[in-house]
């Protein structure tokens, strides 16, 4: 009996050590989305969650945390344990723009460890059909004729669509009124209802509505037409060749996550995004797969990319509060 009393805590301790020593991952992983369901970030997350989970051997649980231009979600992940079980899908707004221009935020870029860029795409400029606007030239003429009268909807202050609109206004020398929403799908619904007149929206949010005839697609924010949206002209064809902008999504974990876990997540991301069915699903909604070659390469890309977005926000006097 004395031996049993001695062995019992030893066996319990050994069992606890065995659980802790299980290889990563050994439980479900949360993928945090900073926007409401139905927008581009949510669409990309849901398309990659199953193949990513298969590559890792654990389910990926999507959690939507909209608000503050995706900063709420970013702060949650930044303050999560660096154990690989909380991942952020993010665009330039939450990683580069918001922290650089809003010192009150509860996180900074160095609070994240980049894993990989995963997608890139242009925004789509689309209008409520009742406006009678049929082209970029007509949009510019209308905006010049009555400055500030056109209201454009986006997925939030400081979001990539907001910055795309700010750059457009700068280059076209027009003034329009920004109406921010808590997600891309909400912004699109406002244009469909005629509450706002146009949107600079992400392809997954806009293209289905253009194809259904509920919105009129004027152009994509790339110089040339894209095979992802062949029926919509690029900016060169639309008469504004100096305008071009694209945005990306990437995956991040809290800083301090062990390198072995970061590498495992990177390799799983590569395996998931290279699947033909995943590429095809994203392409149907106007999104290209665009993978980094390594976490280090993604980190280097972010350093240069941040310069572009911050310069744009300052030159266009964009508020992200």
Protein backbone atom coordinates (compact mmCIF):
# COMPACT_ATOMS: atom_id res chain seq x y z
CA UNK A 1 0.00 0.00 0.00
CA UNK A 2 2.89 2.33 0.83
CA UNK A 3 4.35 1.68 -2.63
CA UNK A 4 1.00 2.47 -4.29
CA UNK A 5 0.75 5.79 -2.42
CA UNK A 6 4.26 6.61 -3.62
CA UNK A 7 3.67 5.57 -7.22
CA UNK A 8 0.30 7.30 -7.69
CA UNK A 9 1.60 10.92 -7.89
CA UNK A 10 4.47 9.72 -10.05
CA UNK A 11 2.10 8.10 -12.51
CA UNK A 12 -0.16 11.16 -12.54
CA UNK A 13 2.83 13.39 -13.16
CA UNK A 14 4.03 11.17 -15.96
CA UNK A 15 0.57 11.29 -17.55
CA UNK A 16 0.52 15.09 -17.38
CA UNK A 17 3.97 15.24 -18.92
CA UNK A 18 2.82 12.90 -21.71
CA UNK A 19 -0.11 15.20 -22.54
CA UNK A 20 2.10 18.28 -22.59
CA UNK A 21 4.69 16.52 -24.71
CA UNK A 22 2.21 15.59 -27.45
CA UNK A 23 3.31 17.06 -30.77
CA UNK A 24 1.66 20.24 -32.04
CA UNK A 25 -1.19 20.45 -32.75
CA UNK A 26 -3.18 18.24 -30.36
CA UNK A 27 -6.43 20.27 -30.18
CA UNK A 28 -8.57 22.50 -32.45
CA UNK A 29 -7.05 25.77 -33.72
CA UNK A 30 -8.92 29.09 -33.81
CA UNK A 31 -8.75 31.25 -36.93
CA UNK A 32 -9.79 34.80 -36.02
CA UNK A 33 -11.48 36.96 -38.72
CA UNK A 34 -11.67 40.71 -38.09
CA UNK A 35 -14.82 41.25 -40.15
CA UNK A 36 -18.44 40.08 -40.15
CA UNK A 37 -19.44 36.89 -42.00
CA UNK A 38 -19.95 37.28 -45.75
CA UNK A 39 -16.99 39.53 -46.53
CA UNK A 40 -13.73 38.73 -48.29
CA UNK A 41 -11.71 37.82 -45.19
CA UNK A 42 -14.48 35.52 -44.02
CA UNK A 43 -14.78 33.96 -47.49
CA UNK A 44 -11.06 33.27 -47.73
CA UNK A 45 -10.97 31.90 -44.17
CA UNK A 46 -13.82 29.48 -44.82
CA UNK A 47 -12.29 28.25 -48.05
CA UNK A 48 -8.93 27.48 -46.48
CA UNK A 49 -10.12 26.23 -43.07
CA UNK A 50 -10.89 22.64 -44.08
CA UNK A 51 -7.74 21.94 -46.15
CA UNK A 52 -5.60 23.73 -43.55
CA UNK A 53 -7.14 21.61 -40.82
CA UNK A 54 -6.53 18.46 -42.86
CA UNK A 55 -2.87 19.41 -43.33
CA UNK A 56 -2.48 19.99 -39.58
CA UNK A 57 -4.59 17.05 -38.43
CA UNK A 58 -6.87 19.23 -36.28
CA UNK A 59 -10.06 21.18 -37.07
CA UNK A 60 -9.85 24.93 -37.72
CA UNK A 61 -12.57 26.84 -35.87
CA UNK A 62 -13.44 30.22 -37.43
CA UNK A 63 -14.28 33.05 -35.04
CA UNK A 64 -15.56 36.38 -36.40
CA UNK A 65 -14.57 39.43 -34.34
CA UNK A 66 -15.64 42.50 -36.38
CA UNK A 67 -15.03 46.10 -35.44
CA UNK A 68 -12.52 48.95 -35.51
CA UNK A 69 -11.24 48.10 -38.98
CA UNK A 70 -10.31 44.57 -37.77
CA UNK A 71 -8.24 45.95 -34.87
CA UNK A 72 -10.38 44.16 -32.26
CA UNK A 73 -9.49 40.80 -33.78
CA UNK A 74 -5.84 41.73 -34.15
CA UNK A 75 -5.56 42.79 -30.51
CA UNK A 76 -7.16 39.54 -29.37
CA UNK A 77 -4.61 37.48 -31.27
CA UNK A 78 -1.69 39.69 -30.21
CA UNK A 79 -2.59 39.02 -26.56
CA UNK A 80 -3.22 35.28 -27.00
CA UNK A 81 -0.75 32.63 -25.79
CA UNK A 82 2.03 32.09 -28.38
CA UNK A 83 1.26 28.40 -28.72
CA UNK A 84 -0.02 28.16 -32.31
CA UNK A 85 -3.66 27.66 -31.35
CA UNK A 86 -4.83 31.18 -32.25
CA UNK A 87 -4.23 32.44 -35.81
CA UNK A 88 -5.19 35.77 -37.36
CA UNK A 89 -6.15 36.24 -40.99
CA UNK A 90 -5.34 39.87 -41.74
CA UNK A 91 -4.97 42.49 -44.46
CA UNK A 92 -2.69 45.56 -44.52
CA UNK A 93 -5.19 47.58 -42.48
CA UNK A 94 -4.85 45.68 -39.21
CA UNK A 95 -1.16 44.75 -39.52
CA UNK A 96 0.40 47.90 -40.98
CA UNK A 97 -1.99 50.83 -41.24
CA UNK A 98 -3.98 50.89 -38.01
CA UNK A 99 -1.04 50.38 -35.60
CA UNK A 100 1.10 52.94 -37.43
CA UNK A 101 -1.57 55.65 -37.33
CA UNK A 102 -3.48 54.88 -34.14
CA UNK A 103 -1.12 54.85 -31.15
CA UNK A 104 -4.07 54.17 -28.83
CA UNK A 105 -4.40 50.63 -30.20
CA UNK A 106 -3.56 47.84 -27.80
CA UNK A 107 -1.08 46.16 -30.14
CA UNK A 108 1.74 46.90 -32.59
CA UNK A 109 3.12 45.06 -35.65
CA UNK A 110 5.94 43.49 -33.63
CA UNK A 111 3.32 41.66 -31.56
CA UNK A 112 2.83 39.28 -34.49
CA UNK A 113 4.87 36.55 -36.10
CA UNK A 114 4.09 36.38 -39.85
CA UNK A 115 3.39 32.93 -41.31
CA UNK A 116 2.61 33.56 -44.99
CA UNK A 117 0.79 35.77 -47.41
CA UNK A 118 -2.05 33.68 -48.84
CA UNK A 119 -4.06 35.73 -51.36
CA UNK A 120 -4.06 38.96 -53.34
CA UNK A 121 -6.71 40.70 -55.41
CA UNK A 122 -7.86 44.09 -56.67
CA UNK A 123 -10.97 45.84 -55.40
CA UNK A 124 -14.05 46.23 -57.58
CA UNK A 125 -15.64 49.63 -58.13
CA UNK A 126 -19.39 49.05 -58.42
CA UNK A 127 -22.44 51.30 -58.31
CA UNK A 128 -26.13 51.09 -57.52
CA UNK A 129 -27.77 50.67 -60.96
CA UNK A 130 -30.22 53.46 -60.19
CA UNK A 131 -27.42 56.05 -60.30
CA UNK A 132 -27.34 55.82 -64.09
CA UNK A 133 -23.52 55.74 -63.93
CA UNK A 134 -22.10 53.29 -66.47
CA UNK A 135 -18.35 53.91 -66.49
CA UNK A 136 -15.42 55.31 -64.53
CA UNK A 137 -15.48 58.42 -66.72
CA UNK A 138 -19.15 59.00 -65.84
CA UNK A 139 -18.39 58.39 -62.15
CA UNK A 140 -15.63 61.00 -62.18
CA UNK A 141 -17.83 63.49 -64.07
CA UNK A 142 -20.65 63.04 -61.54
CA UNK A 143 -18.28 63.42 -58.58
CA UNK A 144 -16.78 66.61 -60.06
CA UNK A 145 -20.20 68.03 -60.89
CA UNK A 146 -21.43 67.73 -57.29
CA UNK A 147 -18.49 67.22 -54.88
CA UNK A 148 -19.29 65.09 -51.83
CA UNK A 149 -22.73 64.04 -53.07
CA UNK A 150 -21.69 60.47 -53.88
CA UNK A 151 -21.54 58.21 -50.83
CA UNK A 152 -19.26 55.18 -51.08
CA UNK A 153 -19.51 52.20 -48.73
CA UNK A 154 -16.55 50.12 -47.52
CA UNK A 155 -15.77 47.50 -44.90
CA UNK A 156 -14.50 50.12 -42.45
CA UNK A 157 -12.17 53.02 -41.70
CA UNK A 158 -8.61 52.19 -42.69
CA UNK A 159 -9.62 49.03 -44.55
CA UNK A 160 -8.00 48.21 -47.89
CA UNK A 161 -11.19 49.21 -49.82
CA UNK A 162 -11.26 52.53 -47.94
CA UNK A 163 -7.64 53.22 -48.88
CA UNK A 164 -8.31 52.15 -52.48
CA UNK A 165 -11.10 54.73 -52.61
CA UNK A 166 -8.85 57.38 -51.06
CA UNK A 167 -6.20 56.76 -53.71
CA UNK A 168 -8.85 56.89 -56.44
CA UNK A 169 -10.13 60.24 -55.15
CA UNK A 170 -6.57 61.56 -55.06
CA UNK A 171 -5.69 60.53 -58.61
CA UNK A 172 -9.07 61.39 -60.15
CA UNK A 173 -9.15 64.68 -58.17
CA UNK A 174 -12.69 64.13 -56.88
CA UNK A 175 -14.40 64.36 -53.51
CA UNK A 176 -16.76 61.61 -52.32
CA UNK A 177 -18.19 60.81 -48.88
CA UNK A 178 -17.03 57.69 -47.07
CA UNK A 179 -19.62 55.55 -45.25
CA UNK A 180 -17.82 52.83 -43.24
CA UNK A 181 -19.46 49.55 -42.17
CA UNK A 182 -18.41 46.67 -39.91
CA UNK A 183 -17.86 44.33 -42.84
CA UNK A 184 -17.87 44.05 -46.62
CA UNK A 185 -21.24 42.29 -46.88
CA UNK A 186 -22.96 45.06 -44.90
CA UNK A 187 -21.38 47.70 -47.14
CA UNK A 188 -22.53 45.89 -50.27
CA UNK A 189 -26.08 45.56 -48.95
CA UNK A 190 -26.24 49.33 -48.45
CA UNK A 191 -25.39 49.90 -52.12
CA UNK A 192 -27.85 47.26 -53.29
CA UNK A 193 -30.54 49.03 -51.27
CA UNK A 194 -29.57 52.41 -52.75
CA UNK A 195 -28.69 53.82 -49.33
CA UNK A 196 -25.19 54.50 -50.68
CA UNK A 197 -24.31 55.00 -54.32
CA UNK A 198 -21.14 52.97 -54.83
CA UNK A 199 -18.57 50.75 -53.24
CA UNK A 200 -14.90 49.97 -53.48
CA UNK A 201 -15.40 46.36 -52.48
CA UNK A 202 -13.54 43.09 -52.33
CA UNK A 203 -14.29 40.66 -55.18
CA UNK A 204 -15.97 37.96 -53.02
CA UNK A 205 -18.41 40.59 -51.72
CA UNK A 206 -19.07 42.39 -55.00
CA UNK A 207 -18.77 40.00 -57.95
CA UNK A 208 -21.77 37.77 -57.11
CA UNK A 209 -23.95 40.89 -56.91
CA UNK A 210 -22.58 42.20 -60.21
CA UNK A 211 -23.23 38.85 -61.87
CA UNK A 212 -26.77 38.84 -60.47
CA UNK A 213 -27.42 42.33 -61.89
CA UNK A 214 -27.94 43.89 -58.47
CA UNK A 215 -24.82 46.05 -58.82
CA UNK A 216 -23.10 47.49 -61.88
CA UNK A 217 -19.38 46.77 -62.02
CA UNK A 218 -17.47 49.74 -63.45
CA UNK A 219 -13.84 48.58 -63.14
CA UNK A 220 -11.32 46.64 -61.12
CA UNK A 221 -8.45 48.48 -59.44
CA UNK A 222 -5.77 46.87 -61.62
CA UNK A 223 -4.38 48.42 -64.80
CA UNK A 224 -5.60 45.61 -67.06
CA UNK A 225 -8.59 43.29 -67.09
CA UNK A 226 -8.18 40.22 -64.93
CA UNK A 227 -9.05 36.63 -65.91
CA UNK A 228 -10.66 36.47 -62.48
CA UNK A 229 -13.28 39.05 -63.61
CA UNK A 230 -13.00 39.18 -67.42
CA UNK A 231 -16.24 41.12 -67.97
CA UNK A 232 -15.05 44.15 -65.96
CA UNK A 233 -12.49 46.57 -67.45
CA UNK A 234 -9.21 47.56 -65.82
CA UNK A 235 -8.22 51.13 -65.10
CA UNK A 236 -6.18 51.72 -68.24
CA UNK A 237 -9.16 50.81 -70.39
CA UNK A 238 -11.39 52.91 -68.12
CA UNK A 239 -9.36 56.08 -68.74
CA UNK A 240 -7.48 56.30 -65.42
CA UNK A 241 -4.17 54.52 -66.17
CA UNK A 242 -2.30 56.04 -63.21
CA UNK A 243 -4.58 54.27 -60.72
CA UNK A 244 -3.83 50.73 -59.56
CA UNK A 245 -3.99 49.09 -56.15
CA UNK A 246 -4.27 45.54 -54.82
CA UNK A 247 -4.67 44.14 -51.31
CA UNK A 248 -3.65 40.88 -49.70
CA UNK A 249 -4.54 38.55 -46.85
CA UNK A 250 -2.01 36.73 -44.71
CA UNK A 251 -1.80 34.51 -41.64
CA UNK A 252 -0.21 35.58 -38.35
CA UNK A 253 0.35 34.19 -34.86
CA UNK A 254 1.41 35.97 -31.65
CA UNK A 255 5.06 36.94 -31.39
CA UNK A 256 7.06 34.40 -29.43
CA UNK A 257 5.42 31.39 -31.05
CA UNK A 258 8.09 28.66 -31.25
CA UNK A 259 9.85 28.49 -34.65
CA UNK A 260 8.94 24.81 -35.08
CA UNK A 261 5.23 25.65 -34.77
CA UNK A 262 5.57 28.60 -37.17
CA UNK A 263 7.26 26.34 -39.70
CA UNK A 264 4.58 23.66 -39.32
CA UNK A 265 1.85 26.26 -39.89
CA UNK A 266 3.73 27.61 -42.92
CA UNK A 267 4.07 24.15 -44.47
CA UNK A 268 0.39 23.36 -43.81
CA UNK A 269 -0.61 26.67 -45.40
CA UNK A 270 1.42 25.85 -48.49
CA UNK A 271 -0.19 22.42 -48.76
CA UNK A 272 -3.71 23.80 -48.29
CA UNK A 273 -3.47 26.72 -50.73
CA UNK A 274 -1.83 24.70 -53.47
CA UNK A 275 -4.81 22.36 -53.75
CA UNK A 276 -6.51 22.90 -57.15
CA UNK A 277 -10.00 22.96 -55.65
CA UNK A 278 -9.01 25.70 -53.20
CA UNK A 279 -7.44 27.79 -55.96
CA UNK A 280 -10.55 27.31 -58.10
CA UNK A 281 -12.94 28.29 -55.29
CA UNK A 282 -11.00 31.49 -54.60
CA UNK A 283 -10.67 32.31 -58.31
CA UNK A 284 -14.45 32.09 -58.75
CA UNK A 285 -14.73 35.05 -56.38
CA UNK A 286 -11.92 37.08 -57.97
CA UNK A 287 -9.14 36.15 -55.56
CA UNK A 288 -5.67 34.87 -56.50
CA UNK A 289 -3.62 32.52 -54.35
CA UNK A 290 -0.36 34.35 -53.57
CA UNK A 291 1.98 32.47 -51.23
CA UNK A 292 5.18 33.61 -49.53
CA UNK A 293 8.28 31.48 -49.99
CA UNK A 294 8.95 31.47 -46.22
CA UNK A 295 7.88 33.26 -43.04
CA UNK A 296 11.07 35.34 -43.28
CA UNK A 297 10.25 36.38 -46.84
CA UNK A 298 6.73 37.41 -45.74
CA UNK A 299 8.21 39.48 -42.90
CA UNK A 300 10.51 41.26 -45.36
CA UNK A 301 7.57 41.90 -47.70
CA UNK A 302 5.60 43.45 -44.82
CA UNK A 303 8.38 45.92 -44.05
CA UNK A 304 8.23 47.36 -47.58
CA UNK A 305 4.45 47.05 -47.90
CA UNK A 306 3.87 49.08 -44.74
CA UNK A 307 5.68 52.05 -46.32
CA UNK A 308 3.21 52.14 -49.22
CA UNK A 309 0.05 52.00 -47.09
CA UNK A 310 1.18 54.48 -44.45
CA UNK A 311 2.34 56.96 -47.11
CA UNK A 312 -1.05 56.64 -48.83
CA UNK A 313 -3.00 57.26 -45.64
CA UNK A 314 -0.95 60.33 -44.76
CA UNK A 315 -1.03 61.82 -48.26
CA UNK A 316 -4.77 61.26 -48.60
CA UNK A 317 -5.45 62.45 -45.04
CA UNK A 318 -7.39 59.29 -44.23
CA UNK A 319 -8.70 58.85 -40.70
CA UNK A 320 -8.67 55.35 -39.22
CA UNK A 321 -10.07 56.26 -35.80
